[in-house]
Amino acid sequence: MAMVLGAVVTGGFLIWSKCCERKAALGLAKVQAHLEVSKWHRTERRTSYANCLVPFEKLRDLVATFTTTIPWQPVAQPLTTPAEAELDRLLVKLEKRFEDAYEKCQIVRLEGPLAMAHTGRSLALAAAQFRAAAKDRALATREARSTQDVQGRQRQTEWDNAVREMETLLEEFIQLVQETVAVD
């Protein structure tokens, strides 16, 4: 009887130890899977953030082009055909860059986390504000409207605000990206 009891206890211990080993292996597999998913998600986020940053910077680079191509002072004469063509090319470039940046900002909004989604939305709105100010500036130049009147000063203020907002949000975005994808 003692031998049977000993065999039962030993068998029970072996079964219990195998069960513990399986639980430990399963727990380790779950931790490893979680780490892999976290690593993959961080990589996906980093990619979506970079894919947003690049077109947004390209859009922001148009500030200098607009500043040199479209003067704020009224044009003394109607724009020449080459100047009109250059203005049209610039507006097409603006539209393409805006669309690309806007689309990528929407992906950032979906990718998150919440602070990044908020900043992605703000970037998209700032890009739209810049596009509107740039189009207004182009139209004012095309129509040789003065910048010295109240409306002209208002356009200048809207342009300055749009550019400043893009700069501020871009720096905030970069900082948030660094914090979000950082690995300890």
C-alpha atoms as a PDB file:
ATOM      1  CA  MET A   1       0.000   0.000   0.000  1.00  0.00           C
ATOM      2  CA  ALA A   2       2.838   2.380   0.859  1.00  0.00           C
ATOM      3  CA  MET A   3       4.374   1.681  -2.526  1.00  0.00           C
ATOM      4  CA  VAL A   4       1.133   2.496  -4.290  1.00  0.00           C
ATOM      5  CA  LEU A   5       0.722   5.660  -2.255  1.00  0.00           C
ATOM      6  CA  GLY A   6       4.337   6.615  -3.028  1.00  0.00           C
ATOM      7  CA  ALA A   7       3.769   5.978  -6.738  1.00  0.00           C
ATOM      8  CA  VAL A   8       0.600   8.091  -6.678  1.00  0.00           C
ATOM      9  CA  VAL A   9       2.367  10.943  -4.874  1.00  0.00           C
ATOM     10  CA  THR A  10       5.358  10.740  -7.222  1.00  0.00           C
ATOM     11  CA  GLY A  11       3.077  10.583 -10.265  1.00  0.00           C
ATOM     12  CA  GLY A  12       1.035  13.499  -8.970  1.00  0.00           C
ATOM     13  CA  PHE A  13       4.202  15.503  -8.384  1.00  0.00           C
ATOM     14  CA  LEU A  14       5.412  14.757 -11.925  1.00  0.00           C
ATOM     15  CA  ILE A  15       2.078  15.771 -13.395  1.00  0.00           C
ATOM     16  CA  TRP A  16       2.021  18.952 -11.277  1.00  0.00           C
ATOM     17  CA  SER A  17       5.624  19.838 -12.271  1.00  0.00           C
ATOM     18  CA  LYS A  18       4.835  19.272 -15.981  1.00  0.00           C
ATOM     19  CA  CYS A  19       1.776  21.488 -15.618  1.00  0.00           C
ATOM     20  CA  CYS A  20       3.909  24.199 -13.991  1.00  0.00           C
ATOM     21  CA  GLU A  21       6.489  23.911 -16.779  1.00  0.00           C
ATOM     22  CA  ARG A  22       3.768  24.298 -19.401  1.00  0.00           C
ATOM     23  CA  LYS A  23       2.315  27.333 -17.610  1.00  0.00           C
ATOM     24  CA  ALA A  24       5.763  28.897 -17.372  1.00  0.00           C
ATOM     25  CA  ALA A  25       6.473  28.185 -21.044  1.00  0.00           C
ATOM     26  CA  LEU A  26       3.094  29.594 -22.037  1.00  0.00           C
ATOM     27  CA  GLY A  27       3.678  32.687 -19.888  1.00  0.00           C
ATOM     28  CA  LEU A  28       7.112  33.176 -21.456  1.00  0.00           C
ATOM     29  CA  ALA A  29       5.628  32.745 -24.937  1.00  0.00           C
ATOM     30  CA  LYS A  30       2.965  35.360 -24.154  1.00  0.00           C
ATOM     31  CA  VAL A  31       5.578  37.819 -22.894  1.00  0.00           C
ATOM     32  CA  GLN A  32       7.729  37.192 -25.981  1.00  0.00           C
ATOM     33  CA  ALA A  33       4.727  37.639 -28.287  1.00  0.00           C
ATOM     34  CA  HIS A  34       3.793  40.873 -26.526  1.00  0.00           C
ATOM     35  CA  LEU A  35       7.353  42.165 -26.920  1.00  0.00           C
ATOM     36  CA  GLU A  36       7.345  41.282 -30.619  1.00  0.00           C
ATOM     37  CA  VAL A  37       4.004  43.013 -31.179  1.00  0.00           C
ATOM     38  CA  SER A  38       5.227  46.078 -29.261  1.00  0.00           C
ATOM     39  CA  LYS A  39       8.420  46.174 -31.342  1.00  0.00           C
ATOM     40  CA  TRP A  40       6.435  45.807 -34.574  1.00  0.00           C
ATOM     41  CA  HIS A  41       3.958  48.513 -33.520  1.00  0.00           C
ATOM     42  CA  ARG A  42       6.760  50.913 -32.557  1.00  0.00           C
ATOM     43  CA  THR A  43       8.334  50.327 -35.986  1.00  0.00           C
ATOM     44  CA  GLU A  44       4.993  50.956 -37.708  1.00  0.00           C
ATOM     45  CA  ARG A  45       4.472  54.145 -35.740  1.00  0.00           C
ATOM     46  CA  ARG A  46       7.980  55.359 -36.490  1.00  0.00           C
ATOM     47  CA  THR A  47       7.363  54.735 -40.191  1.00  0.00           C
ATOM     48  CA  SER A  48       4.025  56.563 -40.196  1.00  0.00           C
ATOM     49  CA  TYR A  49       5.538  59.479 -38.271  1.00  0.00           C
ATOM     50  CA  ALA A  50       8.466  59.749 -40.691  1.00  0.00           C
ATOM     51  CA  ASN A  51       6.054  59.477 -43.619  1.00  0.00           C
ATOM     52  CA  CYS A  52       4.184  62.469 -42.166  1.00  0.00           C
ATOM     53  CA  LEU A  53       7.252  64.495 -41.277  1.00  0.00           C
ATOM     54  CA  VAL A  54       8.863  64.445 -44.723  1.00  0.00           C
ATOM     55  CA  PRO A  55       5.922  65.755 -46.801  1.00  0.00           C
ATOM     56  CA  PHE A  56       5.060  68.281 -44.104  1.00  0.00           C
ATOM     57  CA  GLU A  57       8.619  69.615 -44.216  1.00  0.00           C
ATOM     58  CA  LYS A  58       8.411  69.760 -48.008  1.00  0.00           C
ATOM     59  CA  LEU A  59       5.209  71.766 -47.673  1.00  0.00           C
ATOM     60  CA  ARG A  60       6.863  74.066 -45.157  1.00  0.00           C
ATOM     61  CA  ASP A  61       9.800  74.529 -47.544  1.00  0.00           C
ATOM     62  CA  LEU A  62       7.404  76.323 -49.884  1.00  0.00           C
ATOM     63  CA  VAL A  63       7.410  79.270 -47.458  1.00  0.00           C
ATOM     64  CA  ALA A  64      10.754  80.423 -48.833  1.00  0.00           C
ATOM     65  CA  THR A  65       9.639  79.829 -52.422  1.00  0.00           C
ATOM     66  CA  PHE A  66       6.465  81.860 -51.918  1.00  0.00           C
ATOM     67  CA  THR A  67       8.428  84.614 -50.205  1.00  0.00           C
ATOM     68  CA  THR A  68      10.805  84.990 -53.149  1.00  0.00           C
ATOM     69  CA  THR A  69       8.296  84.314 -55.946  1.00  0.00           C
ATOM     70  CA  ILE A  70       5.315  86.306 -54.702  1.00  0.00           C
ATOM     71  CA  PRO A  71       6.201  89.736 -53.358  1.00  0.00           C
ATOM     72  CA  TRP A  72       3.992  91.460 -50.829  1.00  0.00           C
ATOM     73  CA  GLN A  73       4.120  94.806 -52.515  1.00  0.00           C
ATOM     74  CA  PRO A  74       1.633  95.326 -55.313  1.00  0.00           C
ATOM     75  CA  VAL A  75       2.801  94.452 -58.781  1.00  0.00           C
ATOM     76  CA  ALA A  76       3.154  97.633 -60.845  1.00  0.00           C
ATOM     77  CA  GLN A  77       2.089  95.881 -64.032  1.00  0.00           C
ATOM     78  CA  PRO A  78       0.164  92.743 -64.777  1.00  0.00           C
ATOM     79  CA  LEU A  79       2.250  89.632 -64.370  1.00  0.00           C
ATOM     80  CA  THR A  80       4.106  88.548 -67.463  1.00  0.00           C
ATOM     81  CA  THR A  81       3.248  85.249 -69.075  1.00  0.00           C
ATOM     82  CA  PRO A  82       6.365  83.576 -67.600  1.00  0.00           C
ATOM     83  CA  ALA A  83       5.561  85.007 -64.148  1.00  0.00           C
ATOM     84  CA  GLU A  84       1.954  83.755 -64.442  1.00  0.00           C
ATOM     85  CA  ALA A  85       3.234  80.323 -65.483  1.00  0.00           C
ATOM     86  CA  GLU A  86       5.660  80.256 -62.534  1.00  0.00           C
ATOM     87  CA  LEU A  87       2.876  81.228 -60.164  1.00  0.00           C
ATOM     88  CA  ASP A  88       0.640  78.486 -61.585  1.00  0.00           C
ATOM     89  CA  ARG A  89       3.435  75.884 -61.200  1.00  0.00           C
ATOM     90  CA  LEU A  90       3.975  77.001 -57.628  1.00  0.00           C
ATOM     91  CA  LEU A  91       0.269  76.667 -56.834  1.00  0.00           C
ATOM     92  CA  VAL A  92       0.183  73.151 -58.347  1.00  0.00           C
ATOM     93  CA  LYS A  93       3.219  72.209 -56.248  1.00  0.00           C
ATOM     94  CA  LEU A  94       1.506  73.667 -53.185  1.00  0.00           C
ATOM     95  CA  GLU A  95      -1.625  71.602 -53.817  1.00  0.00           C
ATOM     96  CA  LYS A  96       0.300  68.347 -54.327  1.00  0.00           C
ATOM     97  CA  ARG A  97       2.409  68.856 -51.231  1.00  0.00           C
ATOM     98  CA  PHE A  98      -0.603  69.834 -49.181  1.00  0.00           C
ATOM     99  CA  GLU A  99      -2.535  66.728 -50.242  1.00  0.00           C
ATOM    100  CA  ASP A 100       0.407  64.458 -49.445  1.00  0.00           C
ATOM    101  CA  ALA A 101       1.050  66.056 -46.044  1.00  0.00           C
ATOM    102  CA  TYR A 102      -2.661  66.087 -45.177  1.00  0.00           C
ATOM    103  CA  GLU A 103      -3.046  62.391 -46.005  1.00  0.00           C
ATOM    104  CA  LYS A 104       0.005  61.439 -43.933  1.00  0.00           C
ATOM    105  CA  CYS A 105      -1.251  63.523 -40.999  1.00  0.00           C
ATOM    106  CA  GLN A 106      -4.487  61.534 -41.082  1.00  0.00           C
ATOM    107  CA  ILE A 107      -2.518  58.283 -40.800  1.00  0.00           C
ATOM    108  CA  VAL A 108      -0.727  59.686 -37.749  1.00  0.00           C
ATOM    109  CA  ARG A 109      -4.125  60.513 -36.268  1.00  0.00           C
ATOM    110  CA  LEU A 110      -5.187  56.901 -36.704  1.00  0.00           C
ATOM    111  CA  GLU A 111      -1.894  55.445 -35.480  1.00  0.00           C
ATOM    112  CA  GLY A 112      -1.859  57.416 -32.236  1.00  0.00           C
ATOM    113  CA  PRO A 113      -1.308  57.488 -29.347  1.00  0.00           C
ATOM    114  CA  LEU A 114      -3.707  60.237 -28.277  1.00  0.00           C
ATOM    115  CA  ALA A 115      -1.104  63.036 -28.023  1.00  0.00           C
ATOM    116  CA  MET A 116       0.228  62.148 -31.483  1.00  0.00           C
ATOM    117  CA  ALA A 117      -3.284  61.949 -32.915  1.00  0.00           C
ATOM    118  CA  HIS A 118      -4.002  65.431 -31.569  1.00  0.00           C
ATOM    119  CA  THR A 119      -0.764  66.801 -33.023  1.00  0.00           C
ATOM    120  CA  GLY A 120      -1.463  65.080 -36.359  1.00  0.00           C
ATOM    121  CA  ARG A 121      -4.833  66.838 -36.485  1.00  0.00           C
ATOM    122  CA  SER A 122      -3.216  70.164 -35.596  1.00  0.00           C
ATOM    123  CA  LEU A 123      -0.595  69.672 -38.330  1.00  0.00           C
ATOM    124  CA  ALA A 124      -3.316  68.984 -40.892  1.00  0.00           C
ATOM    125  CA  LEU A 125      -5.208  72.115 -39.863  1.00  0.00           C
ATOM    126  CA  ALA A 126      -2.023  74.213 -39.949  1.00  0.00           C
ATOM    127  CA  ALA A 127      -1.262  72.883 -43.426  1.00  0.00           C
ATOM    128  CA  ALA A 128      -4.765  73.893 -44.566  1.00  0.00           C
ATOM    129  CA  GLN A 129      -4.320  77.339 -43.021  1.00  0.00           C
ATOM    130  CA  PHE A 130      -0.986  77.759 -44.811  1.00  0.00           C
ATOM    131  CA  ARG A 131      -2.471  76.610 -48.122  1.00  0.00           C
ATOM    132  CA  ALA A 132      -5.292  79.154 -47.800  1.00  0.00           C
ATOM    133  CA  ALA A 133      -2.873  81.969 -46.910  1.00  0.00           C
ATOM    134  CA  ALA A 134      -0.569  81.053 -49.800  1.00  0.00           C
ATOM    135  CA  LYS A 135      -3.455  80.964 -52.292  1.00  0.00           C
ATOM    136  CA  ASP A 136      -4.699  84.308 -51.028  1.00  0.00           C
ATOM    137  CA  ARG A 137      -1.205  85.738 -51.346  1.00  0.00           C
ATOM    138  CA  ALA A 138      -0.942  84.431 -54.913  1.00  0.00           C
ATOM    139  CA  LEU A 139      -4.334  85.847 -55.839  1.00  0.00           C
ATOM    140  CA  ALA A 140      -3.470  89.233 -54.333  1.00  0.00           C
ATOM    141  CA  THR A 141      -0.256  89.317 -56.358  1.00  0.00           C
ATOM    142  CA  ARG A 142      -2.046  88.253 -59.511  1.00  0.00           C
ATOM    143  CA  GLU A 143      -4.603  91.031 -59.000  1.00  0.00           C
ATOM    144  CA  ALA A 144      -1.916  93.541 -57.915  1.00  0.00           C
ATOM    145  CA  ARG A 145      -3.716  94.268 -54.649  1.00  0.00           C
ATOM    146  CA  SER A 146      -1.979  96.517 -52.178  1.00  0.00           C
ATOM    147  CA  THR A 147      -0.519  95.248 -48.928  1.00  0.00           C
ATOM    148  CA  GLN A 148      -0.621  98.695 -47.425  1.00  0.00           C
ATOM    149  CA  ASP A 149      -4.373  98.762 -46.772  1.00  0.00           C
ATOM    150  CA  VAL A 150      -6.174  97.029 -43.900  1.00  0.00           C
ATOM    151  CA  GLN A 151      -6.947  93.908 -45.932  1.00  0.00           C
ATOM    152  CA  GLY A 152      -3.350  93.691 -47.116  1.00  0.00           C
ATOM    153  CA  ARG A 153      -2.024  93.904 -43.571  1.00  0.00           C
ATOM    154  CA  GLN A 154      -4.573  91.296 -42.533  1.00  0.00           C
ATOM    155  CA  ARG A 155      -3.345  88.971 -45.311  1.00  0.00           C
ATOM    156  CA  GLN A 156       0.229  89.521 -44.154  1.00  0.00           C
ATOM    157  CA  THR A 157      -0.781  88.680 -40.564  1.00  0.00           C
ATOM    158  CA  GLU A 158      -2.626  85.536 -41.686  1.00  0.00           C
ATOM    159  CA  TRP A 159       0.438  84.453 -43.679  1.00  0.00           C
ATOM    160  CA  ASP A 160       2.787  85.106 -40.758  1.00  0.00           C
ATOM    161  CA  ASN A 161       0.481  83.246 -38.354  1.00  0.00           C
ATOM    162  CA  ALA A 162       0.178  80.251 -40.696  1.00  0.00           C
ATOM    163  CA  VAL A 163       3.949  80.000 -41.115  1.00  0.00           C
ATOM    164  CA  ARG A 164       4.576  80.392 -37.381  1.00  0.00           C
ATOM    165  CA  GLU A 165       1.929  77.779 -36.535  1.00  0.00           C
ATOM    166  CA  MET A 166       3.476  75.279 -38.941  1.00  0.00           C
ATOM    167  CA  GLU A 167       6.919  75.834 -37.432  1.00  0.00           C
ATOM    168  CA  THR A 168       5.667  75.456 -33.865  1.00  0.00           C
ATOM    169  CA  LEU A 169       3.616  72.345 -34.562  1.00  0.00           C
ATOM    170  CA  LEU A 170       6.376  70.707 -36.547  1.00  0.00           C
ATOM    171  CA  GLU A 171       8.789  71.076 -33.633  1.00  0.00           C
ATOM    172  CA  GLU A 172       6.135  69.758 -31.228  1.00  0.00           C
ATOM    173  CA  PHE A 173       5.520  66.826 -33.557  1.00  0.00           C
ATOM    174  CA  ILE A 174       9.223  65.952 -33.721  1.00  0.00           C
ATOM    175  CA  GLN A 175       9.512  66.067 -29.932  1.00  0.00           C
ATOM    176  CA  LEU A 176       6.463  63.836 -29.498  1.00  0.00           C
ATOM    177  CA  VAL A 177       7.806  61.378 -32.068  1.00  0.00           C
ATOM    178  CA  GLN A 178      11.067  61.114 -30.169  1.00  0.00           C
ATOM    179  CA  GLU A 179       9.214  60.449 -26.913  1.00  0.00           C
ATOM    180  CA  THR A 180       6.758  58.002 -28.468  1.00  0.00           C
ATOM    181  CA  VAL A 181       9.198  55.749 -30.290  1.00  0.00           C
ATOM    182  CA  ALA A 182      11.986  55.929 -27.725  1.00  0.00           C
ATOM    183  CA  VAL A 183      13.269  52.604 -26.473  1.00  0.00           C
ATOM    184  CA  ASP A 184      14.442  52.448 -22.874  1.00  0.00           C
END
